[in-house]
Structures are given as C-alpha cells and as structure tokens.
Amino acid sequence: MSRSGKLAGAAILALFTLQLAWRLWLAPPTQAAPWMMALYFSLPILPAVVLVLLRHRRAGFWGALAALLYFCHGVMLAWSAPDVRWLALAETLLASVLVLAASWDGMRARFAARRAGKPAV
C-alpha cells in the first residue's frame, strides 16, 4: 500500500472516531439519544472502515465518497454553530485530507503520463 493509501486509511479511521466521539462524548445531542446520533452520523463512513480493516484497495475511494458528505456538514456547522465550530473544522479538515489522499496516486499517474508524452487515461 502506498503512503497516500495509508494516509487515506488513517483519515477514514480518524473521521469515524471523530463522529463517535463528537456524538457520544465531546458534544452529545440534547434532543435525541447520543448513541442513536453517533450511529446515524457514522453510517456513511462505515463501509470504508470495514474495507480499511480488510486492507481492501478500494477503501480510499469509498471513504472519499463519504468524506464529501462530511465536508459539506462540517462547513455548514462551522458557519452556523459556534459552540461546535472546532469539531466542524476538524471534520472538514479530515474530509479534505481523505479526498486528497485517496486521489493522490491517480493524479500523480495522470500528470506523469502527460509529462512523458503519453495520452492521459
């Protein structure tokens, strides 16, 4: 596994951990059961977590797909909820790292082919 694949796997696990810690411990919801909200917000990244634990090569792709949701959620809360702004910014940062790490090898191969004069795939 490449360094960017390992970074993507670490970001997937960190984003999953952040979701659980946010809803269960750091800022638990008052209107709903914290365990239910933790499960609800962890569901999008859960397939990628399973793939990381199985060391599957597509874990980064599925994690990056879920990270797009978390990025939008983090940006929205960073603007609208000052009490959890630091958690929302952490979520946004982890989602950005995950998307970049998951696409890094493909971008590097594409630009290397372009420099070598080969047509890009």
C-alpha atoms as a PDB file:
ATOM      1  CA  MET A   1       0.000   0.000   0.000  1.00  0.00           C
ATOM      2  CA  SER A   2       1.316   3.434  -0.888  1.00  0.00           C
ATOM      3  CA  ARG A   3       1.847   6.263   1.573  1.00  0.00           C
ATOM      4  CA  SER A   4      -1.227   8.056   0.294  1.00  0.00           C
ATOM      5  CA  GLY A   5      -3.251   4.853   0.754  1.00  0.00           C
ATOM      6  CA  LYS A   6      -2.057   4.595   4.337  1.00  0.00           C
ATOM      7  CA  LEU A   7      -2.892   8.269   4.895  1.00  0.00           C
ATOM      8  CA  ALA A   8      -6.365   7.715   3.429  1.00  0.00           C
ATOM      9  CA  GLY A   9      -6.873   4.735   5.742  1.00  0.00           C
ATOM     10  CA  ALA A  10      -5.773   6.767   8.751  1.00  0.00           C
ATOM     11  CA  ALA A  11      -8.102   9.609   7.746  1.00  0.00           C
ATOM     12  CA  ILE A  12     -11.013   7.168   7.373  1.00  0.00           C
ATOM     13  CA  LEU A  13     -10.446   5.796  10.865  1.00  0.00           C
ATOM     14  CA  ALA A  14      -9.949   9.302  12.293  1.00  0.00           C
ATOM     15  CA  LEU A  15     -13.171  10.566  10.693  1.00  0.00           C
ATOM     16  CA  PHE A  16     -15.071   7.567  12.046  1.00  0.00           C
ATOM     17  CA  THR A  17     -13.599   8.106  15.515  1.00  0.00           C
ATOM     18  CA  LEU A  18     -14.428  11.811  15.380  1.00  0.00           C
ATOM     19  CA  GLN A  19     -18.067  11.053  14.578  1.00  0.00           C
ATOM     20  CA  LEU A  20     -18.379   8.683  17.518  1.00  0.00           C
ATOM     21  CA  ALA A  21     -16.534  10.952  19.953  1.00  0.00           C
ATOM     22  CA  TRP A  22     -18.475  14.033  18.839  1.00  0.00           C
ATOM     23  CA  ARG A  23     -21.914  12.491  19.393  1.00  0.00           C
ATOM     24  CA  LEU A  24     -21.112  10.361  22.436  1.00  0.00           C
ATOM     25  CA  TRP A  25     -18.665  12.438  24.468  1.00  0.00           C
ATOM     26  CA  LEU A  26     -17.496  15.843  23.177  1.00  0.00           C
ATOM     27  CA  ALA A  27     -20.849  17.442  22.313  1.00  0.00           C
ATOM     28  CA  PRO A  28     -23.682  14.941  22.809  1.00  0.00           C
ATOM     29  CA  PRO A  29     -27.074  15.950  21.413  1.00  0.00           C
ATOM     30  CA  THR A  30     -29.775  17.007  23.835  1.00  0.00           C
ATOM     31  CA  GLN A  31     -32.832  16.257  21.692  1.00  0.00           C
ATOM     32  CA  ALA A  32     -32.036  12.641  20.752  1.00  0.00           C
ATOM     33  CA  ALA A  33     -30.249   9.646  22.188  1.00  0.00           C
ATOM     34  CA  PRO A  34     -26.476  10.145  21.776  1.00  0.00           C
ATOM     35  CA  TRP A  35     -25.879   6.528  20.732  1.00  0.00           C
ATOM     36  CA  MET A  36     -28.516   6.828  18.009  1.00  0.00           C
ATOM     37  CA  MET A  37     -26.991  10.029  16.630  1.00  0.00           C
ATOM     38  CA  ALA A  38     -23.496   8.506  16.781  1.00  0.00           C
ATOM     39  CA  LEU A  39     -24.718   5.532  14.768  1.00  0.00           C
ATOM     40  CA  TYR A  40     -26.569   7.756  12.303  1.00  0.00           C
ATOM     41  CA  PHE A  41     -23.579  10.010  11.639  1.00  0.00           C
ATOM     42  CA  SER A  42     -21.133   7.093  11.445  1.00  0.00           C
ATOM     43  CA  LEU A  43     -23.082   5.106   8.858  1.00  0.00           C
ATOM     44  CA  PRO A  44     -21.735   6.846   5.701  1.00  0.00           C
ATOM     45  CA  ILE A  45     -18.088   6.078   6.560  1.00  0.00           C
ATOM     46  CA  LEU A  46     -18.728   2.602   7.980  1.00  0.00           C
ATOM     47  CA  PRO A  47     -18.251   0.673   4.677  1.00  0.00           C
ATOM     48  CA  ALA A  48     -14.889   2.372   4.215  1.00  0.00           C
ATOM     49  CA  VAL A  49     -13.882   1.484   7.787  1.00  0.00           C
ATOM     50  CA  VAL A  50     -14.665  -2.170   7.095  1.00  0.00           C
ATOM     51  CA  LEU A  51     -12.633  -2.023   3.869  1.00  0.00           C
ATOM     52  CA  VAL A  52      -9.692  -0.428   5.695  1.00  0.00           C
ATOM     53  CA  LEU A  53      -9.767  -3.178   8.304  1.00  0.00           C
ATOM     54  CA  LEU A  54      -9.824  -5.759   5.491  1.00  0.00           C
ATOM     55  CA  ARG A  55      -6.974  -3.865   3.739  1.00  0.00           C
ATOM     56  CA  HIS A  56      -9.004  -3.599   0.560  1.00  0.00           C
ATOM     57  CA  ARG A  57      -7.596  -1.341  -2.142  1.00  0.00           C
ATOM     58  CA  ARG A  58     -10.904   0.467  -2.738  1.00  0.00           C
ATOM     59  CA  ALA A  59     -11.232   1.729   0.843  1.00  0.00           C
ATOM     60  CA  GLY A  60      -9.910   5.162  -0.103  1.00  0.00           C
ATOM     61  CA  PHE A  61     -12.454   5.568  -2.876  1.00  0.00           C
ATOM     62  CA  TRP A  62     -15.428   4.724  -0.666  1.00  0.00           C
ATOM     63  CA  GLY A  63     -14.033   6.808   2.168  1.00  0.00           C
ATOM     64  CA  ALA A  64     -13.567   9.810  -0.117  1.00  0.00           C
ATOM     65  CA  LEU A  65     -17.110   9.420  -1.362  1.00  0.00           C
ATOM     66  CA  ALA A  66     -18.427   9.574   2.205  1.00  0.00           C
ATOM     67  CA  ALA A  67     -15.994  12.393   3.026  1.00  0.00           C
ATOM     68  CA  LEU A  68     -17.810  14.678   0.609  1.00  0.00           C
ATOM     69  CA  LEU A  69     -20.876  14.465   2.863  1.00  0.00           C
ATOM     70  CA  TYR A  70     -18.799  15.133   5.960  1.00  0.00           C
ATOM     71  CA  PHE A  71     -17.081  18.086   4.277  1.00  0.00           C
ATOM     72  CA  CYS A  72     -20.435  19.722   3.497  1.00  0.00           C
ATOM     73  CA  HIS A  73     -21.687  19.015   7.017  1.00  0.00           C
ATOM     74  CA  GLY A  74     -18.533  20.444   8.590  1.00  0.00           C
ATOM     75  CA  VAL A  75     -18.622  23.633   6.535  1.00  0.00           C
ATOM     76  CA  MET A  76     -22.296  24.155   7.317  1.00  0.00           C
ATOM     77  CA  LEU A  77     -21.785  23.731  11.066  1.00  0.00           C
ATOM     78  CA  ALA A  78     -18.608  25.821  11.114  1.00  0.00           C
ATOM     79  CA  TRP A  79     -20.652  28.739   9.794  1.00  0.00           C
ATOM     80  CA  SER A  80     -23.823  28.220  11.785  1.00  0.00           C
ATOM     81  CA  ALA A  81     -22.945  26.664  15.163  1.00  0.00           C
ATOM     82  CA  PRO A  82     -20.200  28.471  17.095  1.00  0.00           C
ATOM     83  CA  ASP A  83     -20.374  26.038  20.026  1.00  0.00           C
ATOM     84  CA  VAL A  84     -19.150  23.108  17.886  1.00  0.00           C
ATOM     85  CA  ARG A  85     -17.083  25.093  15.399  1.00  0.00           C
ATOM     86  CA  TRP A  86     -13.806  23.405  16.344  1.00  0.00           C
ATOM     87  CA  LEU A  87     -15.349  19.955  15.827  1.00  0.00           C
ATOM     88  CA  ALA A  88     -16.813  21.039  12.492  1.00  0.00           C
ATOM     89  CA  LEU A  89     -13.457  22.407  11.338  1.00  0.00           C
ATOM     90  CA  ALA A  90     -11.752  19.163  12.374  1.00  0.00           C
ATOM     91  CA  GLU A  91     -14.358  17.241  10.381  1.00  0.00           C
ATOM     92  CA  THR A  92     -13.773  19.471   7.363  1.00  0.00           C
ATOM     93  CA  LEU A  93     -10.003  19.098   7.625  1.00  0.00           C
ATOM     94  CA  LEU A  94     -10.144  15.302   7.916  1.00  0.00           C
ATOM     95  CA  ALA A  95     -12.552  15.074   4.986  1.00  0.00           C
ATOM     96  CA  SER A  96     -10.234  17.231   2.850  1.00  0.00           C
ATOM     97  CA  VAL A  97      -7.204  15.138   3.763  1.00  0.00           C
ATOM     98  CA  LEU A  98      -9.115  11.975   2.931  1.00  0.00           C
ATOM     99  CA  VAL A  99     -10.222  13.182  -0.509  1.00  0.00           C
ATOM    100  CA  LEU A 100      -6.710  14.372  -1.401  1.00  0.00           C
ATOM    101  CA  ALA A 101      -5.013  11.225  -0.114  1.00  0.00           C
ATOM    102  CA  ALA A 102      -7.467   8.931  -1.905  1.00  0.00           C
ATOM    103  CA  SER A 103      -6.945  10.694  -5.240  1.00  0.00           C
ATOM    104  CA  TRP A 104      -3.212  11.404  -4.950  1.00  0.00           C
ATOM    105  CA  ASP A 105      -1.924   8.268  -6.707  1.00  0.00           C
ATOM    106  CA  GLY A 106      -4.306   8.728  -9.627  1.00  0.00           C
ATOM    107  CA  MET A 107      -3.416  12.399 -10.036  1.00  0.00           C
ATOM    108  CA  ARG A 108       0.304  11.584  -9.886  1.00  0.00           C
ATOM    109  CA  ALA A 109      -0.049   8.873 -12.552  1.00  0.00           C
ATOM    110  CA  ARG A 110      -2.087  11.130 -14.797  1.00  0.00           C
ATOM    111  CA  PHE A 111       0.364  14.014 -14.670  1.00  0.00           C
ATOM    112  CA  ALA A 112       3.364  11.692 -15.043  1.00  0.00           C
ATOM    113  CA  ALA A 113       1.823  10.276 -18.233  1.00  0.00           C
ATOM    114  CA  ARG A 114       1.202  13.772 -19.534  1.00  0.00           C
ATOM    115  CA  ARG A 115       4.861  14.734 -18.943  1.00  0.00           C
ATOM    116  CA  ALA A 116       6.056  11.594 -20.691  1.00  0.00           C
ATOM    117  CA  GLY A 117       4.017  12.439 -23.767  1.00  0.00           C
ATOM    118  CA  LYS A 118       1.575   9.578 -23.356  1.00  0.00           C
ATOM    119  CA  PRO A 119      -2.156  10.219 -23.620  1.00  0.00           C
ATOM    120  CA  ALA A 120      -3.874  10.511 -20.262  1.00  0.00           C
ATOM    121  CA  VAL A 121      -6.311   7.780 -19.340  1.00  0.00           C
END
